[in-house]
Protein backbone atom coordinates (compact mmCIF):
# COMPACT_ATOMS: atom_id res chain seq x y z
CA UNK A 1 0.00 0.00 0.00
CA UNK A 2 1.44 3.36 -0.98
CA UNK A 3 1.90 6.20 1.50
CA UNK A 4 -0.69 8.32 -0.30
CA UNK A 5 -3.28 5.55 -0.38
CA UNK A 6 -2.65 4.65 3.25
CA UNK A 7 -3.11 8.30 4.11
CA UNK A 8 -6.40 8.21 2.22
CA UNK A 9 -7.58 5.27 4.29
CA UNK A 10 -6.64 7.09 7.49
CA UNK A 11 -8.66 10.05 6.31
CA UNK A 12 -11.65 7.81 5.64
CA UNK A 13 -11.39 6.37 9.11
CA UNK A 14 -11.24 9.93 10.46
CA UNK A 15 -14.38 10.82 8.53
CA UNK A 16 -16.07 7.85 10.16
CA UNK A 17 -15.55 9.67 13.45
CA UNK A 18 -17.50 12.55 11.94
CA UNK A 19 -16.07 16.12 11.81
CA UNK A 20 -18.78 16.98 14.29
CA UNK A 21 -18.01 20.64 14.83
CA UNK A 22 -18.39 21.33 11.14
CA UNK A 23 -22.02 20.24 11.45
CA UNK A 24 -22.86 21.62 14.89
CA UNK A 25 -24.86 24.64 15.87
CA UNK A 26 -23.56 26.45 18.95
CA UNK A 27 -24.35 24.82 22.28
CA UNK A 28 -25.75 26.78 25.18
CA UNK A 29 -22.97 28.66 27.05
CA UNK A 30 -21.59 26.68 29.98
CA UNK A 31 -23.52 23.51 29.14
CA UNK A 32 -21.86 20.10 28.91
CA UNK A 33 -22.09 18.51 25.48
CA UNK A 34 -23.69 15.09 25.10
CA UNK A 35 -23.43 12.49 22.37
CA UNK A 36 -27.16 12.85 21.80
CA UNK A 37 -26.77 16.59 21.19
CA UNK A 38 -23.93 15.98 18.72
CA UNK A 39 -26.03 13.29 17.00
CA UNK A 40 -28.92 15.69 16.61
CA UNK A 41 -26.94 18.48 14.97
CA UNK A 42 -24.97 16.03 12.81
CA UNK A 43 -28.18 14.76 11.28
CA UNK A 44 -29.26 18.28 10.34
CA UNK A 45 -26.37 19.21 8.05
CA UNK A 46 -26.89 18.61 4.33
CA UNK A 47 -23.46 19.74 3.07
CA UNK A 48 -20.05 20.74 4.44
CA UNK A 49 -17.18 22.55 2.71
CA UNK A 50 -13.96 23.15 4.67
CA UNK A 51 -10.23 23.73 4.30
CA UNK A 52 -7.84 21.46 6.21
CA UNK A 53 -4.16 21.13 7.10
CA UNK A 54 -2.95 17.60 7.80
CA UNK A 55 0.33 16.58 9.48
CA UNK A 56 1.69 13.02 9.58
CA UNK A 57 4.03 12.57 12.55
CA UNK A 58 6.28 9.57 11.89
CA UNK A 59 9.06 8.30 14.12
CA UNK A 60 11.30 7.90 11.07
CA UNK A 61 11.29 11.66 10.35
CA UNK A 62 12.34 14.65 12.46
CA UNK A 63 9.72 16.91 10.88
CA UNK A 64 6.05 16.10 10.19
CA UNK A 65 4.84 15.47 6.64
CA UNK A 66 2.35 18.26 5.92
CA UNK A 67 -0.39 18.50 3.34
CA UNK A 68 -3.46 20.67 2.89
CA UNK A 69 -6.62 20.78 0.84
CA UNK A 70 -10.42 20.74 1.00
CA UNK A 71 -13.14 18.40 2.25
CA UNK A 72 -16.62 18.29 0.68
CA UNK A 73 -19.49 16.26 2.15
CA UNK A 74 -23.09 15.90 1.01
CA UNK A 75 -25.85 13.83 2.58
CA UNK A 76 -26.32 10.97 2.54
CA UNK A 77 -23.05 9.34 1.35
CA UNK A 78 -21.01 11.70 -0.83
CA UNK A 79 -17.45 12.56 0.27
CA UNK A 80 -14.57 14.31 -1.50
CA UNK A 81 -11.12 14.68 0.11
CA UNK A 82 -8.83 16.76 -2.12
CA UNK A 83 -5.17 17.43 -1.37
CA UNK A 84 -3.80 20.57 -3.05
CA UNK A 85 -0.32 20.78 -1.46
CA UNK A 86 2.43 19.50 -1.73
CA UNK A 87 0.95 17.18 -4.37
CA UNK A 88 -2.51 17.01 -5.93
CA UNK A 89 -4.85 14.11 -5.24
CA UNK A 90 -8.62 13.52 -5.04
CA UNK A 91 -10.41 10.71 -3.20
CA UNK A 92 -14.15 10.58 -4.00
CA UNK A 93 -17.18 8.54 -3.00
CA UNK A 94 -20.47 9.29 -4.78
CA UNK A 95 -22.44 6.90 -2.59
CA UNK A 96 -22.17 3.94 -4.92
CA UNK A 97 -18.41 3.65 -5.43
CA UNK A 98 -14.97 5.09 -4.66
CA UNK A 99 -12.35 6.59 -6.99
CA UNK A 100 -8.93 8.19 -6.57
CA UNK A 101 -7.15 10.61 -8.91
CA UNK A 102 -3.64 12.07 -9.02
CA UNK A 103 -2.46 15.06 -11.03
CA UNK A 104 0.09 13.82 -13.57
CA UNK A 105 1.62 16.28 -16.01
CA UNK A 106 -1.25 18.64 -16.73
CA UNK A 107 -4.23 16.34 -16.19
CA UNK A 108 -5.96 14.06 -13.69
CA UNK A 109 -5.13 10.36 -13.84
CA UNK A 110 -7.56 7.85 -12.33
CA UNK A 111 -5.80 5.23 -10.22
CA UNK A 112 -6.53 1.53 -9.80
CA UNK A 113 -7.25 1.35 -6.08
CA UNK A 114 -7.20 -2.40 -5.70
CA UNK A 115 -9.10 -1.98 -2.42
CA UNK A 116 -12.24 -0.41 -3.85
CA UNK A 117 -14.69 -2.85 -2.20
CA UNK A 118 -13.12 -2.44 1.23
CA UNK A 119 -12.97 1.35 0.90
CA UNK A 120 -16.60 1.51 -0.20
CA UNK A 121 -17.59 -0.46 2.89
CA UNK A 122 -15.74 2.03 5.09
CA UNK A 123 -17.33 4.99 3.29
CA UNK A 124 -20.81 3.54 3.83
CA UNK A 125 -20.10 3.35 7.54
CA UNK A 126 -18.71 6.91 7.47
CA UNK A 127 -21.99 8.14 6.04
CA UNK A 128 -24.02 6.48 8.78
CA UNK A 129 -22.00 8.30 11.45
CA UNK A 130 -22.22 11.61 9.59
CA UNK A 131 -26.00 11.19 9.63
CA UNK A 132 -26.05 11.05 13.42
CA UNK A 133 -24.93 7.65 14.68
CA UNK A 134 -22.34 8.81 17.22
CA UNK A 135 -23.86 7.48 20.41
CA UNK A 136 -25.56 4.38 19.08
CA UNK A 137 -24.35 0.84 19.49
CA UNK A 138 -21.50 0.12 17.09
CA UNK A 139 -19.82 -3.17 16.34
CA UNK A 140 -16.74 -1.35 15.04
CA UNK A 141 -15.91 1.26 17.71
CA UNK A 142 -16.29 2.03 21.38
CA UNK A 143 -17.30 5.70 21.63
CA UNK A 144 -16.52 7.98 24.58
CA UNK A 145 -17.13 11.68 25.20
CA UNK A 146 -15.08 13.83 27.60
CA UNK A 147 -15.91 17.46 28.39
CA UNK A 148 -12.60 19.28 28.98
CA UNK A 149 -11.70 22.92 29.66
CA UNK A 150 -10.68 23.22 26.01
CA UNK A 151 -13.95 21.74 24.72
CA UNK A 152 -15.53 18.31 24.17
CA UNK A 153 -13.38 15.42 22.95
CA UNK A 154 -14.99 12.43 21.22
CA UNK A 155 -12.78 9.32 21.20
CA UNK A 156 -13.36 6.22 19.08
CA UNK A 157 -11.44 3.03 19.87
CA UNK A 158 -11.64 0.13 17.35
CA UNK A 159 -13.11 -3.03 18.79
CA UNK A 160 -11.49 -5.24 16.18
CA UNK A 161 -7.99 -6.32 17.21
CA UNK A 162 -6.72 -6.32 13.63
CA UNK A 163 -7.92 -2.74 13.13
CA UNK A 164 -6.24 -1.68 16.38
CA UNK A 165 -2.91 -2.82 14.94
CA UNK A 166 -3.20 0.14 12.53
CA UNK A 167 -5.46 2.61 14.35
CA UNK A 168 -5.31 2.79 18.15
CA UNK A 169 -7.81 5.62 18.56
CA UNK A 170 -9.42 8.59 16.79
CA UNK A 171 -9.87 11.82 18.76
CA UNK A 172 -12.18 14.61 17.60
CA UNK A 173 -11.61 17.87 19.51
CA UNK A 174 -14.42 20.42 19.36
CA UNK A 175 -14.73 24.05 20.44
CA UNK A 176 -16.49 24.55 23.80
CA UNK A 177 -19.63 25.81 22.02
CA UNK A 178 -19.49 23.01 19.39
CA UNK A 179 -19.35 25.70 16.69
CA UNK A 180 -16.23 24.30 14.98
CA UNK A 181 -13.97 21.27 14.91
CA UNK A 182 -10.60 22.38 16.17
CA UNK A 183 -8.57 19.25 15.55
CA UNK A 184 -8.73 15.55 14.73
CA UNK A 185 -5.96 13.19 15.82
CA UNK A 186 -5.61 9.63 14.49
CA UNK A 187 -3.31 7.66 16.78
CA UNK A 188 -1.49 4.55 15.62
CA UNK A 189 -0.23 1.72 17.81
CA UNK A 190 3.46 2.44 17.20
CA UNK A 191 3.20 6.05 18.43
CA UNK A 192 2.88 7.64 14.99
CA UNK A 193 -0.13 9.90 14.55
CA UNK A 194 -1.94 12.12 12.05
CA UNK A 195 -3.22 15.55 13.09
CA UNK A 196 -5.86 17.39 11.04
CA UNK A 197 -6.74 21.03 11.67
CA UNK A 198 -9.66 22.89 10.10
CA UNK A 199 -10.43 26.47 9.13
CA UNK A 200 -13.07 28.16 7.02
CA UNK A 201 -15.86 25.64 7.59
CA UNK A 202 -19.14 26.25 5.76
CA UNK A 203 -22.37 24.28 6.27
CA UNK A 204 -25.37 24.18 3.94
CA UNK A 205 -23.69 25.46 0.77
CA UNK A 206 -25.06 24.17 -2.53
CA UNK A 207 -22.28 22.04 -4.01
CA UNK A 208 -22.36 22.06 -7.84
CA UNK A 209 -23.04 19.04 -10.00
CA UNK A 210 -19.81 17.18 -10.71
CA UNK A 211 -18.30 17.70 -7.25
CA UNK A 212 -18.56 13.96 -6.55
CA UNK A 213 -18.22 12.63 -10.11
CA UNK A 214 -16.08 9.45 -10.01
CA UNK A 215 -15.34 9.64 -13.75
CA UNK A 216 -14.42 13.30 -14.21
CA UNK A 217 -14.60 15.31 -10.95
CA UNK A 218 -15.35 19.00 -11.24
CA UNK A 219 -12.30 21.23 -10.73
CA UNK A 220 -11.87 22.64 -7.23
CA UNK A 221 -11.71 26.17 -8.65
CA UNK A 222 -15.20 25.71 -10.14
CA UNK A 223 -16.55 24.40 -6.82
CA UNK A 224 -15.17 27.41 -4.98
CA UNK A 225 -16.58 29.79 -7.57
CA UNK A 226 -20.01 28.10 -7.51
CA UNK A 227 -20.20 28.24 -3.71
CA UNK A 228 -18.86 31.79 -3.53
CA UNK A 229 -15.83 30.61 -1.55
CA UNK A 230 -13.11 31.57 -3.98
CA UNK A 231 -10.59 32.22 -1.21
CA UNK A 232 -9.92 30.99 2.31
C-alpha atoms as a PDB file:
ATOM      1  CA  UNK A   1       0.000   0.000   0.000  1.00  0.00           C
ATOM      2  CA  UNK A   2       1.443   3.357  -0.983  1.00  0.00           C
ATOM      3  CA  UNK A   3       1.899   6.201   1.504  1.00  0.00           C
ATOM      4  CA  UNK A   4      -0.691   8.324  -0.295  1.00  0.00           C
ATOM      5  CA  UNK A   5      -3.280   5.546  -0.379  1.00  0.00           C
ATOM      6  CA  UNK A   6      -2.652   4.648   3.246  1.00  0.00           C
ATOM      7  CA  UNK A   7      -3.106   8.297   4.106  1.00  0.00           C
ATOM      8  CA  UNK A   8      -6.397   8.212   2.222  1.00  0.00           C
ATOM      9  CA  UNK A   9      -7.585   5.269   4.288  1.00  0.00           C
ATOM     10  CA  UNK A  10      -6.636   7.091   7.489  1.00  0.00           C
ATOM     11  CA  UNK A  11      -8.664  10.050   6.307  1.00  0.00           C
ATOM     12  CA  UNK A  12     -11.651   7.814   5.638  1.00  0.00           C
ATOM     13  CA  UNK A  13     -11.386   6.370   9.114  1.00  0.00           C
ATOM     14  CA  UNK A  14     -11.245   9.928  10.458  1.00  0.00           C
ATOM     15  CA  UNK A  15     -14.382  10.825   8.532  1.00  0.00           C
ATOM     16  CA  UNK A  16     -16.068   7.854  10.162  1.00  0.00           C
ATOM     17  CA  UNK A  17     -15.545   9.666  13.449  1.00  0.00           C
ATOM     18  CA  UNK A  18     -17.499  12.554  11.936  1.00  0.00           C
ATOM     19  CA  UNK A  19     -16.070  16.119  11.810  1.00  0.00           C
ATOM     20  CA  UNK A  20     -18.777  16.984  14.292  1.00  0.00           C
ATOM     21  CA  UNK A  21     -18.005  20.644  14.833  1.00  0.00           C
ATOM     22  CA  UNK A  22     -18.392  21.327  11.139  1.00  0.00           C
ATOM     23  CA  UNK A  23     -22.024  20.238  11.449  1.00  0.00           C
ATOM     24  CA  UNK A  24     -22.865  21.618  14.894  1.00  0.00           C
ATOM     25  CA  UNK A  25     -24.859  24.643  15.871  1.00  0.00           C
ATOM     26  CA  UNK A  26     -23.565  26.450  18.945  1.00  0.00           C
ATOM     27  CA  UNK A  27     -24.351  24.819  22.276  1.00  0.00           C
ATOM     28  CA  UNK A  28     -25.748  26.778  25.185  1.00  0.00           C
ATOM     29  CA  UNK A  29     -22.972  28.658  27.050  1.00  0.00           C
ATOM     30  CA  UNK A  30     -21.594  26.678  29.977  1.00  0.00           C
ATOM     31  CA  UNK A  31     -23.523  23.507  29.137  1.00  0.00           C
ATOM     32  CA  UNK A  32     -21.856  20.102  28.912  1.00  0.00           C
ATOM     33  CA  UNK A  33     -22.087  18.515  25.480  1.00  0.00           C
ATOM     34  CA  UNK A  34     -23.689  15.095  25.101  1.00  0.00           C
ATOM     35  CA  UNK A  35     -23.433  12.491  22.374  1.00  0.00           C
ATOM     36  CA  UNK A  36     -27.164  12.852  21.804  1.00  0.00           C
ATOM     37  CA  UNK A  37     -26.769  16.593  21.187  1.00  0.00           C
ATOM     38  CA  UNK A  38     -23.928  15.980  18.719  1.00  0.00           C
ATOM     39  CA  UNK A  39     -26.028  13.288  16.996  1.00  0.00           C
ATOM     40  CA  UNK A  40     -28.920  15.695  16.611  1.00  0.00           C
ATOM     41  CA  UNK A  41     -26.942  18.485  14.965  1.00  0.00           C
ATOM     42  CA  UNK A  42     -24.971  16.034  12.810  1.00  0.00           C
ATOM     43  CA  UNK A  43     -28.176  14.765  11.283  1.00  0.00           C
ATOM     44  CA  UNK A  44     -29.265  18.284  10.339  1.00  0.00           C
ATOM     45  CA  UNK A  45     -26.367  19.206   8.049  1.00  0.00           C
ATOM     46  CA  UNK A  46     -26.892  18.611   4.334  1.00  0.00           C
ATOM     47  CA  UNK A  47     -23.463  19.738   3.069  1.00  0.00           C
ATOM     48  CA  UNK A  48     -20.054  20.742   4.442  1.00  0.00           C
ATOM     49  CA  UNK A  49     -17.177  22.550   2.707  1.00  0.00           C
ATOM     50  CA  UNK A  50     -13.958  23.147   4.669  1.00  0.00           C
ATOM     51  CA  UNK A  51     -10.233  23.734   4.305  1.00  0.00           C
ATOM     52  CA  UNK A  52      -7.837  21.460   6.209  1.00  0.00           C
ATOM     53  CA  UNK A  53      -4.163  21.134   7.100  1.00  0.00           C
ATOM     54  CA  UNK A  54      -2.950  17.595   7.803  1.00  0.00           C
ATOM     55  CA  UNK A  55       0.328  16.582   9.479  1.00  0.00           C
ATOM     56  CA  UNK A  56       1.693  13.019   9.583  1.00  0.00           C
ATOM     57  CA  UNK A  57       4.033  12.570  12.551  1.00  0.00           C
ATOM     58  CA  UNK A  58       6.284   9.569  11.888  1.00  0.00           C
ATOM     59  CA  UNK A  59       9.061   8.296  14.125  1.00  0.00           C
ATOM     60  CA  UNK A  60      11.304   7.898  11.070  1.00  0.00           C
ATOM     61  CA  UNK A  61      11.285  11.656  10.347  1.00  0.00           C
ATOM     62  CA  UNK A  62      12.344  14.646  12.458  1.00  0.00           C
ATOM     63  CA  UNK A  63       9.716  16.914  10.877  1.00  0.00           C
ATOM     64  CA  UNK A  64       6.046  16.100  10.195  1.00  0.00           C
ATOM     65  CA  UNK A  65       4.839  15.475   6.641  1.00  0.00           C
ATOM     66  CA  UNK A  66       2.354  18.255   5.925  1.00  0.00           C
ATOM     67  CA  UNK A  67      -0.392  18.497   3.338  1.00  0.00           C
ATOM     68  CA  UNK A  68      -3.464  20.670   2.887  1.00  0.00           C
ATOM     69  CA  UNK A  69      -6.616  20.783   0.845  1.00  0.00           C
ATOM     70  CA  UNK A  70     -10.419  20.741   1.004  1.00  0.00           C
ATOM     71  CA  UNK A  71     -13.144  18.399   2.248  1.00  0.00           C
ATOM     72  CA  UNK A  72     -16.620  18.288   0.680  1.00  0.00           C
ATOM     73  CA  UNK A  73     -19.488  16.262   2.155  1.00  0.00           C
ATOM     74  CA  UNK A  74     -23.095  15.897   1.007  1.00  0.00           C
ATOM     75  CA  UNK A  75     -25.852  13.830   2.581  1.00  0.00           C
ATOM     76  CA  UNK A  76     -26.316  10.970   2.541  1.00  0.00           C
ATOM     77  CA  UNK A  77     -23.051   9.341   1.347  1.00  0.00           C
ATOM     78  CA  UNK A  78     -21.009  11.703  -0.825  1.00  0.00           C
ATOM     79  CA  UNK A  79     -17.450  12.561   0.266  1.00  0.00           C
ATOM     80  CA  UNK A  80     -14.569  14.305  -1.499  1.00  0.00           C
ATOM     81  CA  UNK A  81     -11.116  14.675   0.106  1.00  0.00           C
ATOM     82  CA  UNK A  82      -8.835  16.757  -2.124  1.00  0.00           C
ATOM     83  CA  UNK A  83      -5.174  17.432  -1.370  1.00  0.00           C
ATOM     84  CA  UNK A  84      -3.797  20.568  -3.046  1.00  0.00           C
ATOM     85  CA  UNK A  85      -0.315  20.785  -1.459  1.00  0.00           C
ATOM     86  CA  UNK A  86       2.427  19.505  -1.733  1.00  0.00           C
ATOM     87  CA  UNK A  87       0.952  17.184  -4.370  1.00  0.00           C
ATOM     88  CA  UNK A  88      -2.505  17.009  -5.930  1.00  0.00           C
ATOM     89  CA  UNK A  89      -4.848  14.114  -5.238  1.00  0.00           C
ATOM     90  CA  UNK A  90      -8.619  13.520  -5.036  1.00  0.00           C
ATOM     91  CA  UNK A  91     -10.408  10.705  -3.200  1.00  0.00           C
ATOM     92  CA  UNK A  92     -14.151  10.577  -3.997  1.00  0.00           C
ATOM     93  CA  UNK A  93     -17.181   8.544  -2.997  1.00  0.00           C
ATOM     94  CA  UNK A  94     -20.468   9.289  -4.783  1.00  0.00           C
ATOM     95  CA  UNK A  95     -22.437   6.901  -2.585  1.00  0.00           C
ATOM     96  CA  UNK A  96     -22.174   3.939  -4.925  1.00  0.00           C
ATOM     97  CA  UNK A  97     -18.408   3.645  -5.430  1.00  0.00           C
ATOM     98  CA  UNK A  98     -14.975   5.088  -4.664  1.00  0.00           C
ATOM     99  CA  UNK A  99     -12.353   6.586  -6.990  1.00  0.00           C
ATOM    100  CA  UNK A 100      -8.932   8.192  -6.571  1.00  0.00           C
ATOM    101  CA  UNK A 101      -7.149  10.612  -8.905  1.00  0.00           C
ATOM    102  CA  UNK A 102      -3.639  12.075  -9.021  1.00  0.00           C
ATOM    103  CA  UNK A 103      -2.457  15.061 -11.031  1.00  0.00           C
ATOM    104  CA  UNK A 104       0.087  13.822 -13.574  1.00  0.00           C
ATOM    105  CA  UNK A 105       1.618  16.284 -16.008  1.00  0.00           C
ATOM    106  CA  UNK A 106      -1.250  18.637 -16.727  1.00  0.00           C
ATOM    107  CA  UNK A 107      -4.233  16.344 -16.189  1.00  0.00           C
ATOM    108  CA  UNK A 108      -5.957  14.063 -13.686  1.00  0.00           C
ATOM    109  CA  UNK A 109      -5.134  10.356 -13.841  1.00  0.00           C
ATOM    110  CA  UNK A 110      -7.555   7.849 -12.331  1.00  0.00           C
ATOM    111  CA  UNK A 111      -5.799   5.229 -10.215  1.00  0.00           C
ATOM    112  CA  UNK A 112      -6.529   1.534  -9.804  1.00  0.00           C
ATOM    113  CA  UNK A 113      -7.249   1.354  -6.079  1.00  0.00           C
ATOM    114  CA  UNK A 114      -7.200  -2.402  -5.703  1.00  0.00           C
ATOM    115  CA  UNK A 115      -9.099  -1.979  -2.415  1.00  0.00           C
ATOM    116  CA  UNK A 116     -12.245  -0.413  -3.845  1.00  0.00           C
ATOM    117  CA  UNK A 117     -14.689  -2.848  -2.203  1.00  0.00           C
ATOM    118  CA  UNK A 118     -13.118  -2.442   1.235  1.00  0.00           C
ATOM    119  CA  UNK A 119     -12.966   1.346   0.901  1.00  0.00           C
ATOM    120  CA  UNK A 120     -16.603   1.505  -0.197  1.00  0.00           C
ATOM    121  CA  UNK A 121     -17.595  -0.462   2.889  1.00  0.00           C
ATOM    122  CA  UNK A 122     -15.737   2.033   5.087  1.00  0.00           C
ATOM    123  CA  UNK A 123     -17.330   4.993   3.285  1.00  0.00           C
ATOM    124  CA  UNK A 124     -20.809   3.539   3.831  1.00  0.00           C
ATOM    125  CA  UNK A 125     -20.104   3.354   7.542  1.00  0.00           C
ATOM    126  CA  UNK A 126     -18.709   6.908   7.469  1.00  0.00           C
ATOM    127  CA  UNK A 127     -21.988   8.138   6.038  1.00  0.00           C
ATOM    128  CA  UNK A 128     -24.017   6.484   8.784  1.00  0.00           C
ATOM    129  CA  UNK A 129     -21.998   8.302  11.451  1.00  0.00           C
ATOM    130  CA  UNK A 130     -22.217  11.608   9.588  1.00  0.00           C
ATOM    131  CA  UNK A 131     -25.997  11.185   9.633  1.00  0.00           C
ATOM    132  CA  UNK A 132     -26.052  11.049  13.423  1.00  0.00           C
ATOM    133  CA  UNK A 133     -24.934   7.650  14.680  1.00  0.00           C
ATOM    134  CA  UNK A 134     -22.337   8.813  17.223  1.00  0.00           C
ATOM    135  CA  UNK A 135     -23.862   7.479  20.415  1.00  0.00           C
ATOM    136  CA  UNK A 136     -25.555   4.383  19.075  1.00  0.00           C
ATOM    137  CA  UNK A 137     -24.347   0.836  19.493  1.00  0.00           C
ATOM    138  CA  UNK A 138     -21.497   0.119  17.091  1.00  0.00           C
ATOM    139  CA  UNK A 139     -19.820  -3.170  16.340  1.00  0.00           C
ATOM    140  CA  UNK A 140     -16.737  -1.351  15.042  1.00  0.00           C
ATOM    141  CA  UNK A 141     -15.910   1.265  17.712  1.00  0.00           C
ATOM    142  CA  UNK A 142     -16.287   2.028  21.379  1.00  0.00           C
ATOM    143  CA  UNK A 143     -17.299   5.702  21.629  1.00  0.00           C
ATOM    144  CA  UNK A 144     -16.518   7.980  24.583  1.00  0.00           C
ATOM    145  CA  UNK A 145     -17.130  11.682  25.201  1.00  0.00           C
ATOM    146  CA  UNK A 146     -15.079  13.833  27.602  1.00  0.00           C
ATOM    147  CA  UNK A 147     -15.908  17.462  28.394  1.00  0.00           C
ATOM    148  CA  UNK A 148     -12.601  19.280  28.981  1.00  0.00           C
ATOM    149  CA  UNK A 149     -11.698  22.918  29.665  1.00  0.00           C
ATOM    150  CA  UNK A 150     -10.683  23.223  26.014  1.00  0.00           C
ATOM    151  CA  UNK A 151     -13.947  21.738  24.723  1.00  0.00           C
ATOM    152  CA  UNK A 152     -15.530  18.309  24.172  1.00  0.00           C
ATOM    153  CA  UNK A 153     -13.375  15.417  22.946  1.00  0.00           C
ATOM    154  CA  UNK A 154     -14.992  12.426  21.219  1.00  0.00           C
ATOM    155  CA  UNK A 155     -12.776   9.321  21.202  1.00  0.00           C
ATOM    156  CA  UNK A 156     -13.355   6.217  19.080  1.00  0.00           C
ATOM    157  CA  UNK A 157     -11.438   3.030  19.865  1.00  0.00           C
ATOM    158  CA  UNK A 158     -11.644   0.134  17.352  1.00  0.00           C
ATOM    159  CA  UNK A 159     -13.115  -3.031  18.791  1.00  0.00           C
ATOM    160  CA  UNK A 160     -11.488  -5.244  16.182  1.00  0.00           C
ATOM    161  CA  UNK A 161      -7.989  -6.319  17.213  1.00  0.00           C
ATOM    162  CA  UNK A 162      -6.717  -6.315  13.628  1.00  0.00           C
ATOM    163  CA  UNK A 163      -7.917  -2.739  13.125  1.00  0.00           C
ATOM    164  CA  UNK A 164      -6.245  -1.676  16.377  1.00  0.00           C
ATOM    165  CA  UNK A 165      -2.912  -2.817  14.945  1.00  0.00           C
ATOM    166  CA  UNK A 166      -3.205   0.137  12.530  1.00  0.00           C
ATOM    167  CA  UNK A 167      -5.465   2.608  14.355  1.00  0.00           C
ATOM    168  CA  UNK A 168      -5.313   2.790  18.147  1.00  0.00           C
ATOM    169  CA  UNK A 169      -7.810   5.625  18.559  1.00  0.00           C
ATOM    170  CA  UNK A 170      -9.421   8.589  16.794  1.00  0.00           C
ATOM    171  CA  UNK A 171      -9.874  11.816  18.756  1.00  0.00           C
ATOM    172  CA  UNK A 172     -12.180  14.614  17.599  1.00  0.00           C
ATOM    173  CA  UNK A 173     -11.609  17.875  19.514  1.00  0.00           C
ATOM    174  CA  UNK A 174     -14.419  20.424  19.362  1.00  0.00           C
ATOM    175  CA  UNK A 175     -14.726  24.046  20.443  1.00  0.00           C
ATOM    176  CA  UNK A 176     -16.490  24.546  23.800  1.00  0.00           C
ATOM    177  CA  UNK A 177     -19.632  25.814  22.020  1.00  0.00           C
ATOM    178  CA  UNK A 178     -19.487  23.008  19.387  1.00  0.00           C
ATOM    179  CA  UNK A 179     -19.351  25.702  16.686  1.00  0.00           C
ATOM    180  CA  UNK A 180     -16.232  24.298  14.982  1.00  0.00           C
ATOM    181  CA  UNK A 181     -13.973  21.266  14.910  1.00  0.00           C
ATOM    182  CA  UNK A 182     -10.596  22.379  16.166  1.00  0.00           C
ATOM    183  CA  UNK A 183      -8.569  19.252  15.554  1.00  0.00           C
ATOM    184  CA  UNK A 184      -8.728  15.549  14.731  1.00  0.00           C
ATOM    185  CA  UNK A 185      -5.956  13.193  15.821  1.00  0.00           C
ATOM    186  CA  UNK A 186      -5.607   9.634  14.491  1.00  0.00           C
ATOM    187  CA  UNK A 187      -3.311   7.659  16.783  1.00  0.00           C
ATOM    188  CA  UNK A 188      -1.487   4.552  15.618  1.00  0.00           C
ATOM    189  CA  UNK A 189      -0.227   1.720  17.805  1.00  0.00           C
ATOM    190  CA  UNK A 190       3.460   2.444  17.200  1.00  0.00           C
ATOM    191  CA  UNK A 191       3.195   6.050  18.429  1.00  0.00           C
ATOM    192  CA  UNK A 192       2.876   7.636  14.990  1.00  0.00           C
ATOM    193  CA  UNK A 193      -0.132   9.897  14.546  1.00  0.00           C
ATOM    194  CA  UNK A 194      -1.941  12.116  12.053  1.00  0.00           C
ATOM    195  CA  UNK A 195      -3.219  15.547  13.095  1.00  0.00           C
ATOM    196  CA  UNK A 196      -5.856  17.385  11.042  1.00  0.00           C
ATOM    197  CA  UNK A 197      -6.739  21.032  11.673  1.00  0.00           C
ATOM    198  CA  UNK A 198      -9.662  22.891  10.104  1.00  0.00           C
ATOM    199  CA  UNK A 199     -10.431  26.471   9.132  1.00  0.00           C
ATOM    200  CA  UNK A 200     -13.070  28.161   7.015  1.00  0.00           C
ATOM    201  CA  UNK A 201     -15.856  25.635   7.595  1.00  0.00           C
ATOM    202  CA  UNK A 202     -19.143  26.251   5.756  1.00  0.00           C
ATOM    203  CA  UNK A 203     -22.369  24.285   6.272  1.00  0.00           C
ATOM    204  CA  UNK A 204     -25.372  24.184   3.936  1.00  0.00           C
ATOM    205  CA  UNK A 205     -23.690  25.459   0.768  1.00  0.00           C
ATOM    206  CA  UNK A 206     -25.055  24.171  -2.530  1.00  0.00           C
ATOM    207  CA  UNK A 207     -22.279  22.041  -4.011  1.00  0.00           C
ATOM    208  CA  UNK A 208     -22.357  22.064  -7.837  1.00  0.00           C
ATOM    209  CA  UNK A 209     -23.044  19.036  -9.999  1.00  0.00           C
ATOM    210  CA  UNK A 210     -19.810  17.175 -10.712  1.00  0.00           C
ATOM    211  CA  UNK A 211     -18.303  17.700  -7.253  1.00  0.00           C
ATOM    212  CA  UNK A 212     -18.556  13.958  -6.545  1.00  0.00           C
ATOM    213  CA  UNK A 213     -18.218  12.633 -10.107  1.00  0.00           C
ATOM    214  CA  UNK A 214     -16.081   9.451 -10.013  1.00  0.00           C
ATOM    215  CA  UNK A 215     -15.341   9.645 -13.752  1.00  0.00           C
ATOM    216  CA  UNK A 216     -14.417  13.303 -14.210  1.00  0.00           C
ATOM    217  CA  UNK A 217     -14.597  15.306 -10.952  1.00  0.00           C
ATOM    218  CA  UNK A 218     -15.348  18.999 -11.240  1.00  0.00           C
ATOM    219  CA  UNK A 219     -12.302  21.232 -10.733  1.00  0.00           C
ATOM    220  CA  UNK A 220     -11.867  22.644  -7.231  1.00  0.00           C
ATOM    221  CA  UNK A 221     -11.712  26.169  -8.646  1.00  0.00           C
ATOM    222  CA  UNK A 222     -15.198  25.710 -10.139  1.00  0.00           C
ATOM    223  CA  UNK A 223     -16.553  24.397  -6.824  1.00  0.00           C
ATOM    224  CA  UNK A 224     -15.174  27.410  -4.979  1.00  0.00           C
ATOM    225  CA  UNK A 225     -16.583  29.789  -7.567  1.00  0.00           C
ATOM    226  CA  UNK A 226     -20.007  28.105  -7.511  1.00  0.00           C
ATOM    227  CA  UNK A 227     -20.196  28.238  -3.707  1.00  0.00           C
ATOM    228  CA  UNK A 228     -18.855  31.793  -3.532  1.00  0.00           C
ATOM    229  CA  UNK A 229     -15.832  30.606  -1.546  1.00  0.00           C
ATOM    230  CA  UNK A 230     -13.107  31.567  -3.982  1.00  0.00           C
ATOM    231  CA  UNK A 231     -10.589  32.222  -1.211  1.00  0.00           C
ATOM    232  CA  UNK A 232      -9.919  30.985   2.307  1.00  0.00           C
END
